[in-house]
């Protein structure tokens, strides 16, 4: 997988993460939320997405998918742009991007709804700080 901004944007879209979330947490408008609020948001997102992906991987016998979201944040994708920076904050590494792209390329309603709910919960956590 070639690492370009558009690839990150496309893959994060499969995880139900759109441009508004990226802009509000790492983009130019990110100053709207403080460090603690963003840290709580990412912690919630790690937990929620980790649970969804782990359950999905168990049900569908996909070993790799459960480990797509890592606990540790990093900045190896920062130079790729806001979408890359966001992927780094949820520690979605290149291998994880490839796995998401492969497994979720065709929308799976059973996982899409769960991912949306996990994201909504995380956004609620972020908004509680304002």
N, C-alpha and C. Protein backbone atom coordinates (compact mmCIF):
# COMPACT_ATOMS: atom_id res chain seq x y z
N UNK A 1 0.84 -1.18 0.00
CA UNK A 1 0.00 0.00 0.00
C UNK A 1 0.88 1.24 0.00
N UNK A 2 0.66 2.11 -0.97
CA UNK A 2 1.40 3.37 -1.01
C UNK A 2 0.80 4.33 0.02
N UNK A 3 1.65 4.92 0.82
CA UNK A 3 1.17 5.79 1.89
C UNK A 3 0.98 7.21 1.39
N UNK A 4 -0.26 7.53 1.05
CA UNK A 4 -0.64 8.87 0.60
C UNK A 4 -1.82 9.32 1.45
N UNK A 5 -2.01 10.63 1.51
CA UNK A 5 -3.12 11.20 2.28
C UNK A 5 -4.46 10.57 1.87
N UNK A 6 -4.65 10.40 0.57
CA UNK A 6 -5.92 9.85 0.09
C UNK A 6 -6.14 8.41 0.56
N UNK A 7 -5.05 7.64 0.68
CA UNK A 7 -5.19 6.27 1.18
C UNK A 7 -5.60 6.25 2.64
N UNK A 8 -5.00 7.16 3.43
CA UNK A 8 -5.39 7.25 4.84
C UNK A 8 -6.85 7.67 4.95
N UNK A 9 -7.23 8.67 4.16
CA UNK A 9 -8.61 9.15 4.20
C UNK A 9 -9.58 8.02 3.86
N UNK A 10 -9.26 7.27 2.82
CA UNK A 10 -10.11 6.17 2.38
C UNK A 10 -10.23 5.09 3.45
N UNK A 11 -9.10 4.70 4.02
CA UNK A 11 -9.10 3.64 5.03
C UNK A 11 -9.82 4.08 6.29
N UNK A 12 -9.58 5.31 6.75
CA UNK A 12 -10.27 5.80 7.94
C UNK A 12 -11.77 5.90 7.71
N UNK A 13 -12.17 6.17 6.46
CA UNK A 13 -13.61 6.20 6.15
C UNK A 13 -14.24 4.84 6.40
N UNK A 14 -13.50 3.76 6.13
CA UNK A 14 -14.02 2.42 6.42
C UNK A 14 -14.22 2.23 7.92
N UNK A 15 -13.44 2.94 8.72
CA UNK A 15 -13.59 2.86 10.17
C UNK A 15 -14.59 3.89 10.68
N UNK A 16 -15.35 4.47 9.75
CA UNK A 16 -16.40 5.45 10.08
C UNK A 16 -15.82 6.75 10.65
N UNK A 17 -14.56 7.03 10.35
CA UNK A 17 -13.92 8.26 10.83
C UNK A 17 -13.81 9.22 9.66
N UNK A 18 -14.56 10.30 9.71
CA UNK A 18 -14.60 11.26 8.63
C UNK A 18 -13.74 12.48 8.87
N UNK A 19 -13.75 13.37 7.90
CA UNK A 19 -12.90 14.56 7.91
C UNK A 19 -13.16 15.46 9.11
N UNK A 20 -14.41 15.57 9.53
CA UNK A 20 -14.72 16.46 10.66
C UNK A 20 -14.00 16.03 11.93
N UNK A 21 -13.94 14.74 12.18
CA UNK A 21 -13.25 14.23 13.37
C UNK A 21 -11.76 14.53 13.28
N UNK A 22 -11.18 14.28 12.11
CA UNK A 22 -9.75 14.52 11.93
C UNK A 22 -9.43 16.00 12.11
N UNK A 23 -10.21 16.86 11.48
CA UNK A 23 -9.98 18.30 11.57
C UNK A 23 -10.09 18.80 13.00
N UNK A 24 -11.05 18.28 13.74
CA UNK A 24 -11.25 18.75 15.11
C UNK A 24 -10.23 18.22 16.10
N UNK A 25 -9.52 17.17 15.76
CA UNK A 25 -8.57 16.61 16.72
C UNK A 25 -7.11 16.83 16.34
N UNK A 26 -6.79 16.93 15.04
CA UNK A 26 -5.39 17.16 14.66
C UNK A 26 -5.22 18.27 13.64
N UNK A 27 -6.31 18.76 13.06
CA UNK A 27 -6.21 19.78 12.02
C UNK A 27 -6.03 21.18 12.59
N UNK A 28 -6.14 22.16 11.70
CA UNK A 28 -5.95 23.56 12.08
C UNK A 28 -6.94 23.99 13.16
N UNK A 29 -8.14 23.39 13.16
CA UNK A 29 -9.15 23.74 14.16
C UNK A 29 -9.01 22.97 15.45
N UNK A 30 -7.96 22.18 15.58
CA UNK A 30 -7.81 21.31 16.74
C UNK A 30 -7.59 22.08 18.04
N UNK A 31 -7.23 23.36 17.97
CA UNK A 31 -7.03 24.14 19.18
C UNK A 31 -8.32 24.28 19.97
N UNK A 32 -9.42 23.90 19.37
CA UNK A 32 -10.72 23.98 20.04
C UNK A 32 -10.77 23.08 21.27
N UNK A 33 -10.02 21.99 21.24
CA UNK A 33 -10.02 21.05 22.35
C UNK A 33 -8.63 21.01 22.99
N UNK A 34 -8.60 20.89 24.29
CA UNK A 34 -7.34 20.85 25.01
C UNK A 34 -6.69 19.47 24.94
N UNK A 35 -5.47 19.39 25.47
CA UNK A 35 -4.72 18.14 25.45
C UNK A 35 -5.45 17.05 26.21
N UNK A 36 -5.99 17.38 27.36
CA UNK A 36 -6.68 16.37 28.16
C UNK A 36 -7.92 15.83 27.42
N UNK A 37 -8.67 16.74 26.81
CA UNK A 37 -9.86 16.32 26.06
C UNK A 37 -9.49 15.39 24.92
N UNK A 38 -8.44 15.74 24.16
CA UNK A 38 -8.01 14.89 23.04
C UNK A 38 -7.48 13.56 23.54
N UNK A 39 -6.72 13.58 24.63
CA UNK A 39 -6.21 12.32 25.18
C UNK A 39 -7.35 11.40 25.60
N UNK A 40 -8.38 11.97 26.24
CA UNK A 40 -9.55 11.17 26.64
C UNK A 40 -10.29 10.63 25.42
N UNK A 41 -10.37 11.46 24.38
CA UNK A 41 -11.01 11.04 23.14
C UNK A 41 -10.28 9.83 22.54
N UNK A 42 -8.95 9.94 22.42
CA UNK A 42 -8.18 8.84 21.83
C UNK A 42 -8.22 7.59 22.70
N UNK A 43 -8.19 7.78 24.01
CA UNK A 43 -8.28 6.63 24.92
C UNK A 43 -9.61 5.90 24.72
N UNK A 44 -10.69 6.67 24.64
CA UNK A 44 -12.00 6.10 24.42
C UNK A 44 -12.08 5.40 23.06
N UNK A 45 -11.48 6.03 22.05
CA UNK A 45 -11.50 5.45 20.71
C UNK A 45 -10.70 4.15 20.66
N UNK A 46 -9.53 4.14 21.29
CA UNK A 46 -8.73 2.90 21.39
C UNK A 46 -9.57 1.77 21.99
N UNK A 47 -10.19 2.08 23.11
CA UNK A 47 -10.96 1.06 23.83
C UNK A 47 -12.14 0.58 23.00
N UNK A 48 -12.93 1.51 22.52
CA UNK A 48 -14.14 1.17 21.76
C UNK A 48 -13.84 0.43 20.47
N UNK A 49 -12.90 0.95 19.69
CA UNK A 49 -12.56 0.30 18.43
C UNK A 49 -11.88 -1.03 18.67
N UNK A 50 -11.04 -1.08 19.70
CA UNK A 50 -10.38 -2.34 20.03
C UNK A 50 -11.38 -3.44 20.33
N UNK A 51 -12.42 -3.10 21.11
CA UNK A 51 -13.45 -4.08 21.45
C UNK A 51 -14.23 -4.52 20.21
N UNK A 52 -14.60 -3.55 19.37
CA UNK A 52 -15.36 -3.88 18.16
C UNK A 52 -14.55 -4.78 17.24
N UNK A 53 -13.30 -4.41 17.00
CA UNK A 53 -12.47 -5.17 16.07
C UNK A 53 -12.10 -6.55 16.63
N UNK A 54 -11.88 -6.63 17.93
CA UNK A 54 -11.59 -7.92 18.55
C UNK A 54 -12.78 -8.86 18.40
N UNK A 55 -13.97 -8.35 18.72
CA UNK A 55 -15.18 -9.17 18.58
C UNK A 55 -15.39 -9.60 17.13
N UNK A 56 -15.23 -8.66 16.21
CA UNK A 56 -15.43 -8.96 14.79
C UNK A 56 -14.43 -10.02 14.32
N UNK A 57 -13.19 -9.88 14.74
CA UNK A 57 -12.15 -10.83 14.33
C UNK A 57 -12.45 -12.22 14.87
N UNK A 58 -12.95 -12.30 16.10
CA UNK A 58 -13.28 -13.60 16.69
C UNK A 58 -14.44 -14.26 15.95
N UNK A 59 -15.46 -13.48 15.67
CA UNK A 59 -16.64 -14.01 14.98
C UNK A 59 -16.30 -14.47 13.57
N UNK A 60 -15.42 -13.73 12.90
CA UNK A 60 -15.11 -14.03 11.51
C UNK A 60 -13.77 -14.75 11.33
N UNK A 61 -13.17 -15.18 12.43
CA UNK A 61 -11.90 -15.92 12.40
C UNK A 61 -10.81 -15.18 11.63
N UNK A 62 -10.67 -13.91 11.93
CA UNK A 62 -9.62 -13.09 11.32
C UNK A 62 -8.65 -12.69 12.42
N UNK A 63 -7.49 -13.29 12.43
CA UNK A 63 -6.55 -13.05 13.53
C UNK A 63 -6.01 -11.63 13.54
N UNK A 64 -5.62 -11.10 12.39
CA UNK A 64 -4.93 -9.81 12.34
C UNK A 64 -5.81 -8.62 12.72
N UNK A 65 -7.08 -8.67 12.38
CA UNK A 65 -7.94 -7.50 12.55
C UNK A 65 -8.04 -7.05 14.00
N UNK A 66 -8.02 -7.98 14.92
CA UNK A 66 -8.16 -7.64 16.34
C UNK A 66 -7.00 -6.78 16.85
N UNK A 67 -5.88 -6.80 16.14
CA UNK A 67 -4.69 -6.07 16.60
C UNK A 67 -4.38 -4.86 15.73
N UNK A 68 -5.35 -4.40 14.96
CA UNK A 68 -5.14 -3.25 14.07
C UNK A 68 -4.88 -1.98 14.88
N UNK A 69 -5.64 -1.77 15.95
CA UNK A 69 -5.49 -0.58 16.78
C UNK A 69 -4.52 -0.91 17.92
N UNK A 70 -3.40 -0.20 17.95
CA UNK A 70 -2.42 -0.39 19.01
C UNK A 70 -2.68 0.58 20.15
N UNK A 71 -2.19 0.26 21.33
CA UNK A 71 -2.38 1.14 22.48
C UNK A 71 -1.48 2.37 22.44
N UNK A 72 -0.31 2.22 21.85
CA UNK A 72 0.69 3.27 21.90
C UNK A 72 0.52 4.26 20.75
N UNK A 73 0.53 5.55 21.05
CA UNK A 73 0.46 6.55 20.00
C UNK A 73 1.85 6.80 19.45
N UNK A 74 1.92 7.18 18.18
CA UNK A 74 3.21 7.46 17.57
C UNK A 74 3.04 8.53 16.50
N UNK A 75 4.14 8.99 15.93
CA UNK A 75 4.05 10.07 14.94
C UNK A 75 4.76 9.75 13.63
N UNK A 76 4.89 8.48 13.31
CA UNK A 76 5.61 8.12 12.09
C UNK A 76 4.87 8.52 10.82
N UNK A 77 3.57 8.80 10.90
CA UNK A 77 2.80 9.20 9.72
C UNK A 77 2.51 10.71 9.68
N UNK A 78 3.06 11.48 10.60
CA UNK A 78 2.74 12.90 10.70
C UNK A 78 2.96 13.66 9.40
N UNK A 79 4.04 13.34 8.68
CA UNK A 79 4.36 14.09 7.47
C UNK A 79 3.39 13.82 6.33
N UNK A 80 2.54 12.82 6.47
CA UNK A 80 1.60 12.47 5.40
C UNK A 80 0.41 13.42 5.39
N UNK A 81 0.16 14.09 6.49
CA UNK A 81 -0.96 15.03 6.57
C UNK A 81 -1.86 14.71 7.74
N UNK A 82 -2.97 15.43 7.82
CA UNK A 82 -3.87 15.28 8.97
C UNK A 82 -4.41 13.87 9.14
N UNK A 83 -4.74 13.20 8.03
CA UNK A 83 -5.28 11.85 8.13
C UNK A 83 -4.21 10.88 8.63
N UNK A 84 -2.97 11.08 8.17
CA UNK A 84 -1.87 10.26 8.65
C UNK A 84 -1.58 10.52 10.11
N UNK A 85 -1.64 11.79 10.49
CA UNK A 85 -1.40 12.16 11.89
C UNK A 85 -2.45 11.54 12.79
N UNK A 86 -3.71 11.55 12.35
CA UNK A 86 -4.78 10.95 13.13
C UNK A 86 -4.56 9.45 13.27
N UNK A 87 -4.19 8.79 12.17
CA UNK A 87 -3.92 7.34 12.22
C UNK A 87 -2.81 7.05 13.22
N UNK A 88 -1.82 7.91 13.28
CA UNK A 88 -0.75 7.73 14.25
C UNK A 88 -1.22 7.88 15.68
N UNK A 89 -2.16 8.80 15.90
CA UNK A 89 -2.67 9.03 17.25
C UNK A 89 -3.49 7.84 17.74
N UNK A 90 -4.14 7.12 16.81
CA UNK A 90 -4.81 5.90 17.24
C UNK A 90 -3.94 4.68 16.94
N UNK A 91 -2.69 4.95 16.56
CA UNK A 91 -1.69 3.91 16.31
C UNK A 91 -2.17 2.87 15.30
N UNK A 92 -2.66 3.37 14.20
CA UNK A 92 -3.05 2.50 13.09
C UNK A 92 -1.86 2.46 12.14
N UNK A 93 -1.03 1.44 12.25
CA UNK A 93 0.21 1.35 11.47
C UNK A 93 -0.06 0.90 10.04
N UNK A 94 0.98 0.94 9.23
CA UNK A 94 0.82 0.60 7.81
C UNK A 94 0.18 -0.76 7.62
N UNK A 95 0.61 -1.74 8.41
CA UNK A 95 0.02 -3.07 8.30
C UNK A 95 -1.46 -3.03 8.67
N UNK A 96 -1.79 -2.19 9.66
CA UNK A 96 -3.18 -2.04 10.06
C UNK A 96 -4.03 -1.40 8.98
N UNK A 97 -3.45 -0.40 8.30
CA UNK A 97 -4.17 0.24 7.19
C UNK A 97 -4.49 -0.77 6.10
N UNK A 98 -3.51 -1.62 5.80
CA UNK A 98 -3.70 -2.64 4.75
C UNK A 98 -4.77 -3.64 5.16
N UNK A 99 -4.77 -4.03 6.44
CA UNK A 99 -5.75 -5.00 6.92
C UNK A 99 -7.16 -4.41 6.88
N UNK A 100 -7.28 -3.16 7.35
CA UNK A 100 -8.60 -2.49 7.31
C UNK A 100 -9.09 -2.40 5.88
N UNK A 101 -8.19 -1.99 4.99
CA UNK A 101 -8.57 -1.84 3.59
C UNK A 101 -9.05 -3.17 3.00
N UNK A 102 -8.36 -4.24 3.33
CA UNK A 102 -8.72 -5.56 2.80
C UNK A 102 -10.04 -6.06 3.39
N UNK A 103 -10.18 -5.97 4.70
CA UNK A 103 -11.34 -6.57 5.37
C UNK A 103 -12.62 -5.74 5.26
N UNK A 104 -12.48 -4.42 5.26
CA UNK A 104 -13.67 -3.57 5.32
C UNK A 104 -13.97 -2.88 4.00
N UNK A 105 -13.30 -3.28 2.93
CA UNK A 105 -13.51 -2.57 1.67
C UNK A 105 -14.96 -2.65 1.22
N UNK A 106 -15.60 -3.76 1.49
CA UNK A 106 -17.03 -3.87 1.21
C UNK A 106 -17.72 -3.72 2.55
N UNK A 107 -18.55 -2.69 2.66
CA UNK A 107 -19.18 -2.36 3.95
C UNK A 107 -19.84 -3.57 4.58
N UNK A 108 -19.58 -3.75 5.83
CA UNK A 108 -20.17 -4.85 6.59
C UNK A 108 -21.07 -4.21 7.65
N UNK A 109 -22.40 -4.21 7.43
CA UNK A 109 -23.31 -3.52 8.35
C UNK A 109 -23.13 -3.91 9.81
N UNK A 110 -22.80 -5.17 10.09
CA UNK A 110 -22.68 -5.61 11.48
C UNK A 110 -21.53 -4.91 12.19
N UNK A 111 -20.48 -4.57 11.46
CA UNK A 111 -19.36 -3.88 12.10
C UNK A 111 -19.47 -2.36 11.93
N UNK A 112 -20.05 -1.89 10.84
CA UNK A 112 -20.16 -0.44 10.62
C UNK A 112 -20.95 0.24 11.73
N UNK A 113 -22.06 -0.36 12.13
CA UNK A 113 -22.89 0.23 13.19
C UNK A 113 -22.12 0.27 14.51
N UNK A 114 -21.39 -0.79 14.81
CA UNK A 114 -20.62 -0.85 16.05
C UNK A 114 -19.49 0.18 16.04
N UNK A 115 -18.83 0.35 14.89
CA UNK A 115 -17.77 1.36 14.78
C UNK A 115 -18.34 2.75 14.94
N UNK A 116 -19.49 3.01 14.33
CA UNK A 116 -20.13 4.33 14.47
C UNK A 116 -20.47 4.61 15.92
N UNK A 117 -21.01 3.59 16.61
CA UNK A 117 -21.36 3.77 18.03
C UNK A 117 -20.13 4.06 18.88
N UNK A 118 -19.02 3.35 18.61
CA UNK A 118 -17.79 3.57 19.35
C UNK A 118 -17.26 4.98 19.10
N UNK A 119 -17.36 5.44 17.86
CA UNK A 119 -16.91 6.79 17.53
C UNK A 119 -17.80 7.84 18.19
N UNK A 120 -19.12 7.62 18.15
CA UNK A 120 -20.04 8.56 18.80
C UNK A 120 -19.74 8.68 20.29
N UNK A 121 -19.46 7.55 20.93
CA UNK A 121 -19.12 7.56 22.35
C UNK A 121 -17.85 8.37 22.58
N UNK A 122 -16.85 8.19 21.73
CA UNK A 122 -15.59 8.93 21.85
C UNK A 122 -15.79 10.42 21.62
N UNK A 123 -16.60 10.76 20.66
CA UNK A 123 -16.89 12.17 20.38
C UNK A 123 -17.65 12.78 21.56
N UNK A 124 -18.54 11.99 22.16
CA UNK A 124 -19.24 12.46 23.36
C UNK A 124 -18.28 12.76 24.48
N UNK A 125 -17.25 11.92 24.63
CA UNK A 125 -16.22 12.15 25.62
C UNK A 125 -15.50 13.46 25.34
N UNK A 126 -15.20 13.70 24.08
CA UNK A 126 -14.53 14.94 23.68
C UNK A 126 -15.41 16.16 23.97
N UNK A 127 -16.66 16.07 23.62
CA UNK A 127 -17.58 17.20 23.79
C UNK A 127 -17.87 17.50 25.26
N UNK A 128 -17.73 16.51 26.13
CA UNK A 128 -17.96 16.74 27.57
C UNK A 128 -16.93 17.66 28.18
N UNK A 129 -15.81 17.88 27.46
CA UNK A 129 -14.76 18.77 27.96
C UNK A 129 -15.01 20.23 27.60
N UNK A 130 -15.99 20.49 26.74
CA UNK A 130 -16.20 21.89 26.31
C UNK A 130 -17.19 22.59 27.20
